[in-house]
Amino acid sequence: MLMWETVEFGRAHRGRPGVLLADGSEPEPVLFDGGSGANFHESSDWWFYSGESRRPLATDLRGACSCGWRGEPRYPLDWEQVDENAPYLYDTSGPRGDWDRHIAGIEALAATVPDELTVLLDQVEQQLDRLAGDAPLAALRAISRMEHIVTEAGRTAAYGAQADARGGTPIGPGLGLPEEEARRRLLRYSLRH
């Protein structure tokens, strides 16, 4: 499965090359019969829409995101250029670029993390990676302290964000997440022990 994901937004904004049929519609996922059971596997991977085995024939690709966003530009799909043994090698840079711009728009609307903190977090990550290789027990001690910091600061931030939400401030855009996912994140931090 060809998916694009950021560390910060994860599954809430998972991107992929989406497909369009000749009439401009987006097909349902392709179902695969596993044999003698009631369970079916389904996939929305673009290369399954080849028109073979009674599957729909995709004519175009476009950027797609798990949040429901769909890119406007259409990229004609040249099935003669698709290697059936390695379809993931087909050029999907157009849809990927559109999804990258979608993510940049989400990030632009999200609450700004101060640059100094971003730099510090990057440094902590690099040092923990090094320490995990050189002195794993020391790294685990540091990670334990980080978990305590995250628990305490996360709870305080979640309570503050919940108070803002009760005052009418939507929390989803500030976190760059759909509202339901943002509320789940607040709940997770507010209940963390």
N, C-alpha and C. Protein backbone atom coordinates (compact mmCIF):
# COMPACT_ATOMS: atom_id res chain seq x y z
N MET A 1 0.85 -1.17 0.00
CA MET A 1 0.00 0.00 0.00
C MET A 1 0.89 1.23 0.00
N LEU A 2 0.66 2.13 -0.93
CA LEU A 2 1.43 3.36 -1.04
C LEU A 2 0.70 4.44 -0.26
N MET A 3 1.29 4.85 0.86
CA MET A 3 0.69 5.88 1.72
C MET A 3 1.74 6.91 2.07
N TRP A 4 1.28 8.12 2.32
CA TRP A 4 2.16 9.19 2.78
C TRP A 4 1.66 9.63 4.14
N GLU A 5 2.58 9.87 5.05
CA GLU A 5 2.19 10.21 6.41
C GLU A 5 3.23 11.13 7.03
N THR A 6 2.79 12.00 7.92
CA THR A 6 3.72 12.83 8.68
C THR A 6 3.73 12.31 10.12
N VAL A 7 4.80 12.57 10.81
CA VAL A 7 4.91 12.15 12.21
C VAL A 7 3.84 12.84 13.04
N GLU A 8 3.65 14.12 12.82
CA GLU A 8 2.73 14.89 13.65
C GLU A 8 1.26 14.51 13.44
N PHE A 9 0.85 14.35 12.22
CA PHE A 9 -0.57 14.14 11.94
C PHE A 9 -0.95 12.67 11.79
N GLY A 10 0.01 11.80 11.52
CA GLY A 10 -0.23 10.36 11.45
C GLY A 10 -1.41 9.97 10.59
N ARG A 11 -2.24 9.07 11.12
CA ARG A 11 -3.36 8.51 10.37
C ARG A 11 -4.45 9.54 10.06
N ALA A 12 -4.50 10.63 10.81
CA ALA A 12 -5.54 11.64 10.59
C ALA A 12 -5.39 12.31 9.22
N HIS A 13 -4.17 12.36 8.71
CA HIS A 13 -3.91 12.97 7.40
C HIS A 13 -3.01 12.06 6.58
N ARG A 14 -3.40 10.80 6.45
CA ARG A 14 -2.63 9.85 5.65
C ARG A 14 -3.00 10.04 4.19
N GLY A 15 -2.00 10.31 3.38
CA GLY A 15 -2.22 10.57 1.96
C GLY A 15 -1.94 9.35 1.09
N ARG A 16 -2.46 9.40 -0.13
CA ARG A 16 -2.26 8.33 -1.10
C ARG A 16 -2.64 8.85 -2.48
N PRO A 17 -2.19 8.16 -3.53
CA PRO A 17 -2.69 8.49 -4.86
C PRO A 17 -4.13 7.96 -4.97
N GLY A 18 -5.07 8.83 -5.16
CA GLY A 18 -6.45 8.44 -5.35
C GLY A 18 -6.73 8.24 -6.83
N VAL A 19 -7.80 7.51 -7.14
CA VAL A 19 -8.13 7.24 -8.54
C VAL A 19 -9.48 7.84 -8.91
N LEU A 20 -9.60 8.14 -10.18
CA LEU A 20 -10.86 8.59 -10.76
C LEU A 20 -11.17 7.73 -11.98
N LEU A 21 -12.45 7.46 -12.17
CA LEU A 21 -12.90 6.73 -13.35
C LEU A 21 -13.14 7.73 -14.48
N ALA A 22 -13.42 7.24 -15.67
CA ALA A 22 -13.62 8.10 -16.84
C ALA A 22 -14.73 9.13 -16.62
N ASP A 23 -15.76 8.78 -15.84
CA ASP A 23 -16.87 9.71 -15.59
C ASP A 23 -16.57 10.71 -14.48
N GLY A 24 -15.33 10.66 -13.92
CA GLY A 24 -14.95 11.60 -12.87
C GLY A 24 -15.29 11.14 -11.47
N SER A 25 -15.88 9.97 -11.33
CA SER A 25 -16.26 9.48 -10.00
C SER A 25 -15.09 8.73 -9.36
N GLU A 26 -15.16 8.66 -8.04
CA GLU A 26 -14.18 7.91 -7.27
C GLU A 26 -14.78 6.56 -6.93
N PRO A 27 -14.13 5.46 -7.34
CA PRO A 27 -14.72 4.14 -7.11
C PRO A 27 -14.62 3.70 -5.65
N GLU A 28 -15.48 2.76 -5.30
CA GLU A 28 -15.42 2.12 -3.98
C GLU A 28 -14.15 1.27 -3.90
N PRO A 29 -13.71 0.92 -2.69
CA PRO A 29 -12.55 0.02 -2.58
C PRO A 29 -12.81 -1.30 -3.30
N VAL A 30 -11.73 -1.88 -3.82
CA VAL A 30 -11.79 -3.17 -4.49
C VAL A 30 -11.85 -4.25 -3.42
N LEU A 31 -12.80 -5.18 -3.57
CA LEU A 31 -12.94 -6.30 -2.63
C LEU A 31 -12.27 -7.54 -3.19
N PHE A 32 -11.57 -8.26 -2.32
CA PHE A 32 -10.92 -9.51 -2.70
C PHE A 32 -11.54 -10.63 -1.89
N ASP A 33 -12.03 -11.62 -2.58
CA ASP A 33 -12.64 -12.78 -1.92
C ASP A 33 -11.54 -13.68 -1.41
N GLY A 34 -11.52 -13.91 -0.10
CA GLY A 34 -10.49 -14.75 0.51
C GLY A 34 -10.79 -16.23 0.41
N GLY A 35 -11.85 -16.59 -0.26
CA GLY A 35 -12.17 -18.00 -0.39
C GLY A 35 -13.44 -18.36 0.34
N SER A 36 -13.33 -19.32 1.22
CA SER A 36 -14.51 -19.89 1.85
C SER A 36 -14.88 -19.21 3.16
N GLY A 37 -14.81 -17.96 3.24
CA GLY A 37 -15.18 -17.29 4.48
C GLY A 37 -16.04 -16.07 4.20
N ALA A 38 -16.48 -15.48 5.26
CA ALA A 38 -17.29 -14.27 5.13
C ALA A 38 -16.41 -13.03 5.12
N ASN A 39 -15.10 -13.21 5.30
CA ASN A 39 -14.19 -12.07 5.35
C ASN A 39 -13.67 -11.73 3.97
N PHE A 40 -13.69 -10.46 3.66
CA PHE A 40 -13.18 -9.96 2.39
C PHE A 40 -12.10 -8.93 2.71
N HIS A 41 -11.05 -8.94 1.92
CA HIS A 41 -10.01 -7.91 2.02
C HIS A 41 -10.41 -6.81 1.04
N GLU A 42 -10.19 -5.57 1.43
CA GLU A 42 -10.47 -4.47 0.50
C GLU A 42 -9.26 -3.57 0.41
N SER A 43 -9.13 -2.91 -0.72
CA SER A 43 -8.00 -2.01 -0.95
C SER A 43 -8.42 -0.86 -1.86
N SER A 44 -7.81 0.28 -1.62
CA SER A 44 -7.99 1.44 -2.49
C SER A 44 -6.69 1.77 -3.22
N ASP A 45 -5.73 0.85 -3.20
CA ASP A 45 -4.48 1.08 -3.93
C ASP A 45 -4.80 1.28 -5.41
N TRP A 46 -4.24 2.31 -5.98
CA TRP A 46 -4.61 2.72 -7.34
C TRP A 46 -4.39 1.62 -8.37
N TRP A 47 -3.37 0.80 -8.21
CA TRP A 47 -3.04 -0.19 -9.24
C TRP A 47 -4.03 -1.34 -9.34
N PHE A 48 -4.93 -1.47 -8.38
CA PHE A 48 -5.96 -2.50 -8.48
C PHE A 48 -7.11 -2.08 -9.42
N TYR A 49 -7.17 -0.82 -9.79
CA TYR A 49 -8.25 -0.31 -10.66
C TYR A 49 -7.81 -0.38 -12.12
N SER A 50 -7.35 -1.55 -12.53
CA SER A 50 -6.78 -1.75 -13.86
C SER A 50 -7.79 -2.18 -14.91
N GLY A 51 -9.02 -2.41 -14.51
CA GLY A 51 -10.03 -2.89 -15.43
C GLY A 51 -10.02 -4.40 -15.60
N GLU A 52 -9.05 -5.08 -15.00
CA GLU A 52 -8.96 -6.53 -15.11
C GLU A 52 -9.84 -7.19 -14.05
N SER A 53 -10.23 -8.40 -14.31
CA SER A 53 -11.04 -9.21 -13.38
C SER A 53 -12.29 -8.46 -12.91
N ARG A 54 -12.95 -7.78 -13.84
CA ARG A 54 -14.19 -7.04 -13.57
C ARG A 54 -14.01 -5.88 -12.59
N ARG A 55 -12.79 -5.42 -12.42
CA ARG A 55 -12.55 -4.25 -11.57
C ARG A 55 -12.73 -2.99 -12.41
N PRO A 56 -13.08 -1.86 -11.76
CA PRO A 56 -13.21 -0.61 -12.51
C PRO A 56 -11.85 -0.20 -13.11
N LEU A 57 -11.91 0.57 -14.18
CA LEU A 57 -10.70 1.06 -14.84
C LEU A 57 -10.49 2.52 -14.47
N ALA A 58 -9.41 2.80 -13.77
CA ALA A 58 -9.05 4.17 -13.42
C ALA A 58 -8.41 4.84 -14.63
N THR A 59 -8.78 6.10 -14.85
CA THR A 59 -8.20 6.86 -15.96
C THR A 59 -7.27 7.96 -15.47
N ASP A 60 -7.45 8.37 -14.20
CA ASP A 60 -6.66 9.47 -13.66
C ASP A 60 -6.30 9.22 -12.20
N LEU A 61 -5.22 9.84 -11.79
CA LEU A 61 -4.83 9.86 -10.38
C LEU A 61 -5.02 11.27 -9.86
N ARG A 62 -5.18 11.39 -8.55
CA ARG A 62 -5.19 12.68 -7.88
C ARG A 62 -4.79 12.44 -6.43
N GLY A 63 -4.37 13.49 -5.75
CA GLY A 63 -4.02 13.37 -4.35
C GLY A 63 -5.27 13.11 -3.53
N ALA A 64 -5.13 12.27 -2.50
CA ALA A 64 -6.25 11.96 -1.60
C ALA A 64 -5.71 11.88 -0.19
N CYS A 65 -6.56 12.23 0.79
CA CYS A 65 -6.16 12.21 2.19
C CYS A 65 -7.26 11.55 3.02
N SER A 66 -6.85 10.89 4.08
CA SER A 66 -7.80 10.21 4.96
C SER A 66 -8.77 11.17 5.62
N CYS A 67 -8.47 12.46 5.66
CA CYS A 67 -9.38 13.44 6.25
C CYS A 67 -10.54 13.78 5.33
N GLY A 68 -10.50 13.27 4.09
CA GLY A 68 -11.56 13.54 3.13
C GLY A 68 -11.15 14.49 2.01
N TRP A 69 -10.02 15.17 2.17
CA TRP A 69 -9.53 16.09 1.13
C TRP A 69 -9.21 15.32 -0.14
N ARG A 70 -9.55 15.92 -1.28
CA ARG A 70 -9.19 15.38 -2.58
C ARG A 70 -8.60 16.51 -3.41
N GLY A 71 -7.49 16.23 -4.06
CA GLY A 71 -6.84 17.21 -4.92
C GLY A 71 -7.67 17.50 -6.16
N GLU A 72 -7.59 18.72 -6.63
CA GLU A 72 -8.30 19.10 -7.85
C GLU A 72 -7.60 18.61 -9.12
N PRO A 73 -6.27 18.79 -9.23
CA PRO A 73 -5.61 18.37 -10.47
C PRO A 73 -5.75 16.87 -10.72
N ARG A 74 -5.94 16.55 -11.99
CA ARG A 74 -6.05 15.14 -12.41
C ARG A 74 -4.80 14.81 -13.21
N TYR A 75 -4.25 13.64 -12.96
CA TYR A 75 -3.04 13.19 -13.64
C TYR A 75 -3.38 11.93 -14.42
N PRO A 76 -3.40 12.05 -15.77
CA PRO A 76 -3.77 10.88 -16.59
C PRO A 76 -2.91 9.67 -16.25
N LEU A 77 -3.56 8.53 -16.15
CA LEU A 77 -2.91 7.28 -15.78
C LEU A 77 -2.61 6.51 -17.06
N ASP A 78 -1.32 6.30 -17.33
CA ASP A 78 -0.88 5.59 -18.53
C ASP A 78 -0.57 4.14 -18.14
N TRP A 79 -1.55 3.26 -18.33
CA TRP A 79 -1.40 1.87 -17.91
C TRP A 79 -0.28 1.16 -18.64
N GLU A 80 0.11 1.63 -19.82
CA GLU A 80 1.23 1.00 -20.54
C GLU A 80 2.55 1.24 -19.84
N GLN A 81 2.62 2.29 -19.02
CA GLN A 81 3.85 2.60 -18.29
C GLN A 81 3.89 1.95 -16.90
N VAL A 82 2.82 1.27 -16.50
CA VAL A 82 2.75 0.64 -15.18
C VAL A 82 3.35 -0.76 -15.26
N ASP A 83 4.36 -1.02 -14.45
CA ASP A 83 4.96 -2.35 -14.36
C ASP A 83 4.08 -3.17 -13.43
N GLU A 84 3.42 -4.19 -13.96
CA GLU A 84 2.48 -4.96 -13.13
C GLU A 84 3.17 -5.68 -11.98
N ASN A 85 4.49 -5.89 -12.08
CA ASN A 85 5.23 -6.53 -10.99
C ASN A 85 5.73 -5.52 -9.96
N ALA A 86 5.74 -4.25 -10.31
CA ALA A 86 6.19 -3.20 -9.40
C ALA A 86 5.43 -1.91 -9.68
N PRO A 87 4.10 -1.91 -9.52
CA PRO A 87 3.31 -0.73 -9.86
C PRO A 87 3.66 0.48 -9.02
N TYR A 88 4.20 0.26 -7.82
CA TYR A 88 4.56 1.36 -6.93
C TYR A 88 5.70 2.21 -7.49
N LEU A 89 6.36 1.74 -8.56
CA LEU A 89 7.42 2.52 -9.19
C LEU A 89 6.87 3.56 -10.17
N TYR A 90 5.59 3.49 -10.45
CA TYR A 90 4.96 4.46 -11.36
C TYR A 90 5.05 5.85 -10.74
N ASP A 91 5.23 6.85 -11.56
CA ASP A 91 5.40 8.23 -11.08
C ASP A 91 4.08 8.79 -10.51
N THR A 92 4.04 8.94 -9.21
CA THR A 92 2.87 9.53 -8.53
C THR A 92 3.27 10.85 -7.87
N SER A 93 4.30 11.49 -8.41
CA SER A 93 4.80 12.73 -7.80
C SER A 93 3.79 13.88 -7.90
N GLY A 94 2.94 13.88 -8.91
CA GLY A 94 1.91 14.93 -9.01
C GLY A 94 0.94 14.88 -7.84
N PRO A 95 0.28 13.72 -7.63
CA PRO A 95 -0.61 13.61 -6.48
C PRO A 95 0.13 13.83 -5.15
N ARG A 96 1.37 13.36 -5.06
CA ARG A 96 2.14 13.54 -3.82
C ARG A 96 2.40 15.03 -3.57
N GLY A 97 2.74 15.75 -4.60
CA GLY A 97 2.98 17.19 -4.45
C GLY A 97 1.72 17.92 -4.00
N ASP A 98 0.58 17.52 -4.54
CA ASP A 98 -0.69 18.14 -4.13
C ASP A 98 -0.99 17.83 -2.66
N TRP A 99 -0.74 16.59 -2.25
CA TRP A 99 -0.95 16.22 -0.84
C TRP A 99 0.01 16.99 0.06
N ASP A 100 1.27 17.15 -0.38
CA ASP A 100 2.24 17.93 0.40
C ASP A 100 1.74 19.36 0.60
N ARG A 101 1.14 19.94 -0.44
CA ARG A 101 0.59 21.31 -0.31
C ARG A 101 -0.61 21.32 0.62
N HIS A 102 -1.42 20.27 0.59
CA HIS A 102 -2.54 20.14 1.53
C HIS A 102 -2.01 20.13 2.96
N ILE A 103 -0.98 19.35 3.22
CA ILE A 103 -0.38 19.27 4.56
C ILE A 103 0.22 20.62 4.95
N ALA A 104 0.85 21.29 4.02
CA ALA A 104 1.41 22.62 4.32
C ALA A 104 0.30 23.59 4.74
N GLY A 105 -0.86 23.48 4.09
CA GLY A 105 -2.00 24.32 4.48
C GLY A 105 -2.51 23.99 5.87
N ILE A 106 -2.54 22.69 6.21
CA ILE A 106 -2.95 22.26 7.55
C ILE A 106 -1.97 22.82 8.58
N GLU A 107 -0.69 22.68 8.30
CA GLU A 107 0.35 23.18 9.21
C GLU A 107 0.26 24.69 9.39
N ALA A 108 -0.07 25.41 8.31
CA ALA A 108 -0.16 26.87 8.39
C ALA A 108 -1.30 27.32 9.30
N LEU A 109 -2.36 26.55 9.39
CA LEU A 109 -3.51 26.88 10.24
C LEU A 109 -3.34 26.41 11.68
N ALA A 110 -2.42 25.47 11.90
CA ALA A 110 -2.23 24.90 13.23
C ALA A 110 -1.51 25.88 14.15
N ALA A 111 -1.70 25.67 15.45
CA ALA A 111 -1.01 26.50 16.44
C ALA A 111 0.50 26.40 16.21
N THR A 112 1.18 27.53 16.35
CA THR A 112 2.61 27.58 16.10
C THR A 112 3.40 27.14 17.32
N VAL A 113 4.28 26.17 17.11
CA VAL A 113 5.20 25.76 18.16
C VAL A 113 6.41 26.69 18.04
N PRO A 114 6.83 27.34 19.13
CA PRO A 114 7.97 28.26 19.05
C PRO A 114 9.21 27.58 18.47
N ASP A 115 9.92 28.31 17.63
CA ASP A 115 11.12 27.77 16.98
C ASP A 115 12.12 27.22 17.98
N GLU A 116 12.29 27.93 19.11
CA GLU A 116 13.27 27.49 20.11
C GLU A 116 12.91 26.09 20.63
N LEU A 117 11.63 25.84 20.84
CA LEU A 117 11.19 24.54 21.34
C LEU A 117 11.37 23.46 20.27
N THR A 118 11.07 23.81 19.03
CA THR A 118 11.26 22.86 17.93
C THR A 118 12.72 22.44 17.84
N VAL A 119 13.63 23.39 17.94
CA VAL A 119 15.06 23.09 17.90
C VAL A 119 15.45 22.20 19.07
N LEU A 120 14.96 22.52 20.27
CA LEU A 120 15.27 21.71 21.45
C LEU A 120 14.74 20.28 21.31
N LEU A 121 13.51 20.15 20.80
CA LEU A 121 12.94 18.81 20.61
C LEU A 121 13.76 18.00 19.61
N ASP A 122 14.21 18.65 18.53
CA ASP A 122 15.06 17.96 17.56
C ASP A 122 16.36 17.50 18.21
N GLN A 123 16.95 18.37 19.03
CA GLN A 123 18.20 18.01 19.72
C GLN A 123 17.98 16.86 20.69
N VAL A 124 16.88 16.88 21.45
CA VAL A 124 16.59 15.80 22.38
C VAL A 124 16.43 14.49 21.62
N GLU A 125 15.71 14.53 20.50
CA GLU A 125 15.52 13.31 19.71
C GLU A 125 16.85 12.75 19.23
N GLN A 126 17.73 13.62 18.72
CA GLN A 126 19.03 13.18 18.23
C GLN A 126 19.87 12.60 19.37
N GLN A 127 19.87 13.26 20.52
CA GLN A 127 20.66 12.76 21.65
C GLN A 127 20.12 11.44 22.18
N LEU A 128 18.79 11.31 22.24
CA LEU A 128 18.21 10.04 22.69
C LEU A 128 18.54 8.91 21.72
N ASP A 129 18.51 9.19 20.42
CA ASP A 129 18.88 8.17 19.43
C ASP A 129 20.32 7.71 19.64
N ARG A 130 21.21 8.67 19.84
CA ARG A 130 22.63 8.32 20.07
C ARG A 130 22.79 7.54 21.37
N LEU A 131 22.14 8.05 22.43
CA LEU A 131 22.26 7.42 23.73
C LEU A 131 21.69 6.00 23.73
N ALA A 132 20.59 5.78 22.99
CA ALA A 132 19.99 4.44 22.91
C ALA A 132 20.99 3.43 22.34
N GLY A 133 21.84 3.88 21.42
CA GLY A 133 22.85 2.99 20.85
C GLY A 133 24.06 2.82 21.75
N ASP A 134 24.47 3.90 22.41
CA ASP A 134 25.68 3.88 23.23
C ASP A 134 25.44 3.40 24.67
N ALA A 135 24.35 3.83 25.26
CA ALA A 135 24.06 3.51 26.67
C ALA A 135 22.55 3.34 26.82
N PRO A 136 22.01 2.19 26.41
CA PRO A 136 20.56 2.01 26.39
C PRO A 136 19.88 2.21 27.75
N LEU A 137 20.53 1.83 28.84
CA LEU A 137 19.90 2.02 30.15
C LEU A 137 19.80 3.50 30.51
N ALA A 138 20.82 4.25 30.16
CA ALA A 138 20.77 5.70 30.39
C ALA A 138 19.67 6.33 29.54
N ALA A 139 19.53 5.83 28.31
CA ALA A 139 18.47 6.34 27.44
C ALA A 139 17.10 6.05 28.04
N LEU A 140 16.92 4.86 28.58
CA LEU A 140 15.63 4.52 29.20
C LEU A 140 15.34 5.40 30.41
N ARG A 141 16.37 5.75 31.18
CA ARG A 141 16.16 6.66 32.31
C ARG A 141 15.70 8.02 31.79
N ALA A 142 16.34 8.51 30.74
CA ALA A 142 15.96 9.81 30.17
C ALA A 142 14.54 9.75 29.59
N ILE A 143 14.21 8.66 28.94
CA ILE A 143 12.87 8.50 28.36
C ILE A 143 11.82 8.47 29.46
N SER A 144 12.13 7.84 30.58
CA SER A 144 11.20 7.82 31.71
C SER A 144 10.92 9.25 32.19
N ARG A 145 11.96 10.05 32.24
CA ARG A 145 11.77 11.45 32.65
C ARG A 145 10.93 12.20 31.62
N MET A 146 11.19 11.93 30.35
CA MET A 146 10.41 12.58 29.29
C MET A 146 8.93 12.20 29.40
N GLU A 147 8.66 10.92 29.68
CA GLU A 147 7.27 10.49 29.83
C GLU A 147 6.59 11.23 30.97
N HIS A 148 7.31 11.47 32.06
CA HIS A 148 6.74 12.24 33.17
C HIS A 148 6.43 13.67 32.73
N ILE A 149 7.37 14.27 32.00
CA ILE A 149 7.16 15.64 31.51
C ILE A 149 5.94 15.69 30.60
N VAL A 150 5.84 14.73 29.68
CA VAL A 150 4.72 14.69 28.74
C VAL A 150 3.40 14.49 29.49
N THR A 151 3.40 13.63 30.48
CA THR A 151 2.18 13.38 31.24
C THR A 151 1.70 14.65 31.93
N GLU A 152 2.60 15.31 32.63
CA GLU A 152 2.22 16.51 33.40
C GLU A 152 1.87 17.68 32.48
N ALA A 153 2.74 17.99 31.54
CA ALA A 153 2.49 19.12 30.63
C ALA A 153 1.30 18.82 29.72
N GLY A 154 1.17 17.57 29.29
CA GLY A 154 0.05 17.19 28.43
C GLY A 154 -1.28 17.36 29.12
N ARG A 155 -1.34 16.96 30.38
CA ARG A 155 -2.58 17.11 31.14
C ARG A 155 -2.95 18.60 31.29
N THR A 156 -1.98 19.42 31.64
CA THR A 156 -2.23 20.85 31.80
C THR A 156 -2.69 21.47 30.48
N ALA A 157 -2.00 21.14 29.38
CA ALA A 157 -2.36 21.68 28.07
C ALA A 157 -3.74 21.19 27.64
N ALA A 158 -4.05 19.93 27.90
CA ALA A 158 -5.36 19.38 27.51
C ALA A 158 -6.48 20.08 28.27
N TYR A 159 -6.29 20.30 29.56
CA TYR A 159 -7.32 21.00 30.35
C TYR A 159 -7.52 22.42 29.83
N GLY A 160 -6.42 23.10 29.50
CA GLY A 160 -6.52 24.46 28.96
C GLY A 160 -7.23 24.48 27.61
N ALA A 161 -6.91 23.53 26.75
CA ALA A 161 -7.55 23.45 25.44
C ALA A 161 -9.03 23.11 25.57
N GLN A 162 -9.37 22.24 26.53
CA GLN A 162 -10.77 21.91 26.75
C GLN A 162 -11.55 23.13 27.24
N ALA A 163 -10.93 23.94 28.09
CA ALA A 163 -11.58 25.17 28.55
C ALA A 163 -11.79 26.12 27.39
N ASP A 164 -10.80 26.23 26.50
CA ASP A 164 -10.95 27.08 25.31
C ASP A 164 -12.09 26.57 24.43
N ALA A 165 -12.18 25.24 24.29
CA ALA A 165 -13.23 24.64 23.46
C ALA A 165 -14.61 24.93 24.03
N ARG A 166 -14.72 24.89 25.36
CA ARG A 166 -16.02 25.23 25.97
C ARG A 166 -16.38 26.69 25.71
N GLY A 167 -15.37 27.52 25.51
CA GLY A 167 -15.61 28.93 25.21
C GLY A 167 -15.88 29.18 23.73
N GLY A 168 -15.90 28.12 22.93
CA GLY A 168 -16.24 28.26 21.52
C GLY A 168 -15.07 28.16 20.57
N THR A 169 -13.86 28.01 21.08
CA THR A 169 -12.69 27.89 20.20
C THR A 169 -12.57 26.47 19.69
N PRO A 170 -12.63 26.26 18.37
CA PRO A 170 -12.46 24.90 17.84
C PRO A 170 -11.02 24.44 18.09
N ILE A 171 -10.86 23.19 18.48
CA ILE A 171 -9.52 22.70 18.77
C ILE A 171 -8.88 21.95 17.60
N GLY A 172 -9.71 21.43 16.71
CA GLY A 172 -9.18 20.67 15.57
C GLY A 172 -8.18 21.44 14.73
N PRO A 173 -8.54 22.64 14.23
CA PRO A 173 -7.60 23.37 13.38
C PRO A 173 -6.28 23.70 14.09
N GLY A 174 -6.36 24.01 15.37
CA GLY A 174 -5.14 24.34 16.11
C GLY A 174 -4.17 23.18 16.23
N LEU A 175 -4.70 21.96 16.21
CA LEU A 175 -3.85 20.77 16.24
C LEU A 175 -3.61 20.22 14.85
N GLY A 176 -4.28 20.78 13.85
CA GLY A 176 -4.14 20.27 12.49
C GLY A 176 -4.84 18.94 12.30
N LEU A 177 -5.90 18.72 13.07
CA LEU A 177 -6.61 17.44 13.04
C LEU A 177 -8.10 17.66 12.84
N PRO A 178 -8.79 16.65 12.30
CA PRO A 178 -10.25 16.73 12.31
C PRO A 178 -10.72 16.85 13.77
N GLU A 179 -11.85 17.51 13.98
CA GLU A 179 -12.31 17.83 15.33
C GLU A 179 -12.43 16.59 16.22
N GLU A 180 -12.98 15.51 15.70
CA GLU A 180 -13.15 14.30 16.51
C GLU A 180 -11.81 13.72 16.95
N GLU A 181 -10.84 13.70 16.04
CA GLU A 181 -9.50 13.21 16.37
C GLU A 181 -8.83 14.13 17.39
N ALA A 182 -9.03 15.44 17.26
CA ALA A 182 -8.46 16.39 18.22
C ALA A 182 -9.04 16.15 19.61
N ARG A 183 -10.33 15.91 19.70
CA ARG A 183 -10.95 15.65 21.01
C ARG A 183 -10.44 14.35 21.62
N ARG A 184 -10.19 13.34 20.78
CA ARG A 184 -9.61 12.09 21.29
C ARG A 184 -8.21 12.34 21.84
N ARG A 185 -7.45 13.19 21.17
CA ARG A 185 -6.10 13.49 21.65
C ARG A 185 -6.16 14.21 22.99
N LEU A 186 -7.06 15.18 23.11
CA LEU A 186 -7.21 15.88 24.40
C LEU A 186 -7.59 14.91 25.50
N LEU A 187 -8.51 14.02 25.21
CA LEU A 187 -8.93 13.05 26.20
C LEU A 187 -7.77 12.15 26.62
N ARG A 188 -6.99 11.72 25.64
CA ARG A 188 -5.85 10.85 25.93
C ARG A 188 -4.86 11.55 26.88
N TYR A 189 -4.56 12.83 26.63
CA TYR A 189 -3.63 13.56 27.49
C TYR A 189 -4.25 13.90 28.84
N SER A 190 -5.52 14.20 28.86
CA SER A 190 -6.13 14.57 30.15
C SER A 190 -6.28 13.37 31.07
N LEU A 191 -6.37 12.16 30.51
CA LEU A 191 -6.53 10.96 31.33
C LEU A 191 -5.23 10.22 31.58
N ARG A 192 -4.15 10.69 30.99
CA ARG A 192 -2.85 10.00 31.10
C ARG A 192 -2.33 10.04 32.53
N HIS A 193 -1.82 8.92 32.99
CA HIS A 193 -1.26 8.82 34.37
C HIS A 193 0.21 8.54 34.32
